[in-house]
Amino acid sequence: MTTITIFKSGNGNYKRILCEGHAEFAKPGRDIVCSAVSMLVINTINSLDELLKVPMQVDSDEEKGLIDCQFTENLDGKGRLLVDSMILGLEGVVSQYGRKYLKLKFKEV
């Protein structure tokens, strides 16, 4: 199962996106759930970086299914919109395939 934890401050600022594990919906290379989750998360991080130049630190390990993105500054409205869009897509994956393959959590920091 893939677990994605979205960390937000008390006033609603996104602080971190932590993606851990593999969905295990199908064999590696054929896992459409893992592919969808990876595409949503990676595209969001790339968009924040390339389009908005958001300062962040990103670590990843493909074998472990780890993507850890920590924002070093508060996101502006466009940045929040991109993350909100990613969350909407991830909620769609959970709705379509179930919590057996993807768990989406929110934590206040």
C-alpha atoms as a PDB file:
ATOM      1  CA  MET A   1       0.000   0.000   0.000  1.00  0.00           C
ATOM      2  CA  THR A   2       1.072   3.554  -0.677  1.00  0.00           C
ATOM      3  CA  THR A   3       0.598   6.047   2.142  1.00  0.00           C
ATOM      4  CA  ILE A   4       0.672   9.746   1.384  1.00  0.00           C
ATOM      5  CA  THR A   5       0.804  12.140   4.299  1.00  0.00           C
ATOM      6  CA  ILE A   6       0.148  15.829   3.727  1.00  0.00           C
ATOM      7  CA  PHE A   7       1.575  18.006   6.496  1.00  0.00           C
ATOM      8  CA  LYS A   8      -0.013  21.412   7.099  1.00  0.00           C
ATOM      9  CA  SER A   9       0.573  24.115   9.668  1.00  0.00           C
ATOM     10  CA  GLY A  10      -2.158  25.236  12.039  1.00  0.00           C
ATOM     11  CA  ASN A  11      -2.997  28.113   9.718  1.00  0.00           C
ATOM     12  CA  GLY A  12      -3.322  25.837   6.676  1.00  0.00           C
ATOM     13  CA  ASN A  13       0.061  26.251   4.978  1.00  0.00           C
ATOM     14  CA  TYR A  14       1.377  23.130   3.264  1.00  0.00           C
ATOM     15  CA  LYS A  15       4.690  22.074   4.802  1.00  0.00           C
ATOM     16  CA  ARG A  16       5.486  18.628   3.438  1.00  0.00           C
ATOM     17  CA  ILE A  17       4.285  15.846   1.147  1.00  0.00           C
ATOM     18  CA  LEU A  18       5.463  12.386   2.161  1.00  0.00           C
ATOM     19  CA  CYS A  19       4.740   9.454  -0.149  1.00  0.00           C
ATOM     20  CA  GLU A  20       5.753   5.993   1.088  1.00  0.00           C
ATOM     21  CA  GLY A  21       5.398   2.481  -0.274  1.00  0.00           C
ATOM     22  CA  HIS A  22       4.119   0.768  -3.382  1.00  0.00           C
ATOM     23  CA  ALA A  23       0.419   0.282  -4.116  1.00  0.00           C
ATOM     24  CA  GLU A  24       0.838  -3.395  -5.043  1.00  0.00           C
ATOM     25  CA  PHE A  25      -2.313  -3.305  -7.181  1.00  0.00           C
ATOM     26  CA  ALA A  26      -0.474  -5.345  -9.827  1.00  0.00           C
ATOM     27  CA  LYS A  27       3.023  -6.551 -10.693  1.00  0.00           C
ATOM     28  CA  PRO A  28       5.737  -3.882 -11.036  1.00  0.00           C
ATOM     29  CA  GLY A  29       5.519  -2.265 -14.451  1.00  0.00           C
ATOM     30  CA  ARG A  30       1.783  -3.004 -14.668  1.00  0.00           C
ATOM     31  CA  ASP A  31       0.581  -1.281 -11.500  1.00  0.00           C
ATOM     32  CA  ILE A  32      -1.789   1.433 -12.721  1.00  0.00           C
ATOM     33  CA  VAL A  33      -2.512   2.663  -9.190  1.00  0.00           C
ATOM     34  CA  CYS A  34       1.170   3.146  -8.414  1.00  0.00           C
ATOM     35  CA  SER A  35       1.632   4.844 -11.791  1.00  0.00           C
ATOM     36  CA  ALA A  36      -1.283   7.219 -11.210  1.00  0.00           C
ATOM     37  CA  VAL A  37      -0.088   8.152  -7.726  1.00  0.00           C
ATOM     38  CA  SER A  38       3.494   8.639  -8.905  1.00  0.00           C
ATOM     39  CA  MET A  39       2.390  10.799 -11.824  1.00  0.00           C
ATOM     40  CA  LEU A  40       0.215  13.019  -9.650  1.00  0.00           C
ATOM     41  CA  VAL A  41       2.873  13.519  -6.970  1.00  0.00           C
ATOM     42  CA  ILE A  42       5.877  13.892  -9.280  1.00  0.00           C
ATOM     43  CA  ASN A  43       4.064  16.210 -11.691  1.00  0.00           C
ATOM     44  CA  THR A  44       2.958  18.428  -8.825  1.00  0.00           C
ATOM     45  CA  ILE A  45       6.483  18.651  -7.414  1.00  0.00           C
ATOM     46  CA  ASN A  46       7.937  19.302 -10.887  1.00  0.00           C
ATOM     47  CA  SER A  47       5.311  22.003 -11.551  1.00  0.00           C
ATOM     48  CA  LEU A  48       6.019  23.693  -8.227  1.00  0.00           C
ATOM     49  CA  ASP A  49       9.720  23.650  -9.076  1.00  0.00           C
ATOM     50  CA  GLU A  50       9.737  24.505 -12.785  1.00  0.00           C
ATOM     51  CA  LEU A  51       6.734  26.813 -13.078  1.00  0.00           C
ATOM     52  CA  LEU A  52       6.677  28.538  -9.704  1.00  0.00           C
ATOM     53  CA  LYS A  53      10.281  28.154  -8.500  1.00  0.00           C
ATOM     54  CA  VAL A  54       9.085  27.065  -5.057  1.00  0.00           C
ATOM     55  CA  PRO A  55      11.995  26.538  -2.652  1.00  0.00           C
ATOM     56  CA  MET A  56      11.864  22.951  -1.419  1.00  0.00           C
ATOM     57  CA  GLN A  57      13.952  19.934  -0.557  1.00  0.00           C
ATOM     58  CA  VAL A  58      13.029  16.677  -2.281  1.00  0.00           C
ATOM     59  CA  ASP A  59      14.385  13.222  -1.481  1.00  0.00           C
ATOM     60  CA  SER A  60      13.349  10.036  -3.228  1.00  0.00           C
ATOM     61  CA  ASP A  61      14.085   6.325  -3.358  1.00  0.00           C
ATOM     62  CA  GLU A  62      12.312   4.463  -6.162  1.00  0.00           C
ATOM     63  CA  GLU A  63      12.889   1.003  -4.694  1.00  0.00           C
ATOM     64  CA  LYS A  64      11.312   1.983  -1.373  1.00  0.00           C
ATOM     65  CA  GLY A  65       8.589   4.009  -3.061  1.00  0.00           C
ATOM     66  CA  LEU A  66       9.670   7.134  -1.199  1.00  0.00           C
ATOM     67  CA  ILE A  67       9.101  10.737  -2.237  1.00  0.00           C
ATOM     68  CA  ASP A  68       9.627  13.308   0.505  1.00  0.00           C
ATOM     69  CA  CYS A  69       9.039  16.957  -0.418  1.00  0.00           C
ATOM     70  CA  GLN A  70       9.535  19.604   2.262  1.00  0.00           C
ATOM     71  CA  PHE A  71       8.685  23.219   1.527  1.00  0.00           C
ATOM     72  CA  THR A  72      11.180  25.688   2.925  1.00  0.00           C
ATOM     73  CA  GLU A  73       8.801  28.650   2.488  1.00  0.00           C
ATOM     74  CA  ASN A  74       5.032  29.056   2.534  1.00  0.00           C
ATOM     75  CA  LEU A  75       3.339  28.411  -0.796  1.00  0.00           C
ATOM     76  CA  ASP A  76       1.529  31.259  -2.525  1.00  0.00           C
ATOM     77  CA  GLY A  77      -1.969  30.890  -3.969  1.00  0.00           C
ATOM     78  CA  LYS A  78      -0.753  29.208  -7.159  1.00  0.00           C
ATOM     79  CA  GLY A  79       1.340  26.727  -5.203  1.00  0.00           C
ATOM     80  CA  ARG A  80      -1.559  25.880  -2.906  1.00  0.00           C
ATOM     81  CA  LEU A  81      -3.778  25.389  -5.949  1.00  0.00           C
ATOM     82  CA  LEU A  82      -1.322  22.895  -7.448  1.00  0.00           C
ATOM     83  CA  VAL A  83      -1.177  20.901  -4.208  1.00  0.00           C
ATOM     84  CA  ASP A  84      -4.976  21.085  -3.834  1.00  0.00           C
ATOM     85  CA  SER A  85      -5.270  19.719  -7.386  1.00  0.00           C
ATOM     86  CA  MET A  86      -2.893  16.860  -6.560  1.00  0.00           C
ATOM     87  CA  ILE A  87      -4.975  16.010  -3.482  1.00  0.00           C
ATOM     88  CA  LEU A  88      -8.154  16.036  -5.584  1.00  0.00           C
ATOM     89  CA  GLY A  89      -6.545  13.562  -7.993  1.00  0.00           C
ATOM     90  CA  LEU A  90      -5.320  11.343  -5.153  1.00  0.00           C
ATOM     91  CA  GLU A  91      -8.785  11.339  -3.578  1.00  0.00           C
ATOM     92  CA  GLY A  92     -10.097  10.183  -6.966  1.00  0.00           C
ATOM     93  CA  VAL A  93      -7.630   7.275  -6.947  1.00  0.00           C
ATOM     94  CA  VAL A  94      -8.762   6.302  -3.428  1.00  0.00           C
ATOM     95  CA  SER A  95     -12.400   6.532  -4.525  1.00  0.00           C
ATOM     96  CA  GLN A  96     -11.793   4.415  -7.635  1.00  0.00           C
ATOM     97  CA  TYR A  97      -9.450   1.745  -6.222  1.00  0.00           C
ATOM     98  CA  GLY A  98      -9.904   1.876  -2.456  1.00  0.00           C
ATOM     99  CA  ARG A  99      -7.863   2.375   0.681  1.00  0.00           C
ATOM    100  CA  LYS A 100      -6.350  -1.078   0.237  1.00  0.00           C
ATOM    101  CA  TYR A 101      -3.911   0.443  -2.267  1.00  0.00           C
ATOM    102  CA  LEU A 102      -3.699   4.131  -1.296  1.00  0.00           C
ATOM    103  CA  LYS A 103      -4.095   5.788   2.076  1.00  0.00           C
ATOM    104  CA  LEU A 104      -4.235   9.577   2.164  1.00  0.00           C
ATOM    105  CA  LYS A 105      -3.576  11.198   5.545  1.00  0.00           C
ATOM    106  CA  PHE A 106      -3.374  14.770   6.789  1.00  0.00           C
ATOM    107  CA  LYS A 107      -1.311  15.887   9.787  1.00  0.00           C
ATOM    108  CA  GLU A 108      -1.056  19.262  11.455  1.00  0.00           C
ATOM    109  CA  VAL A 109       2.484  20.326  12.345  1.00  0.00           C
END
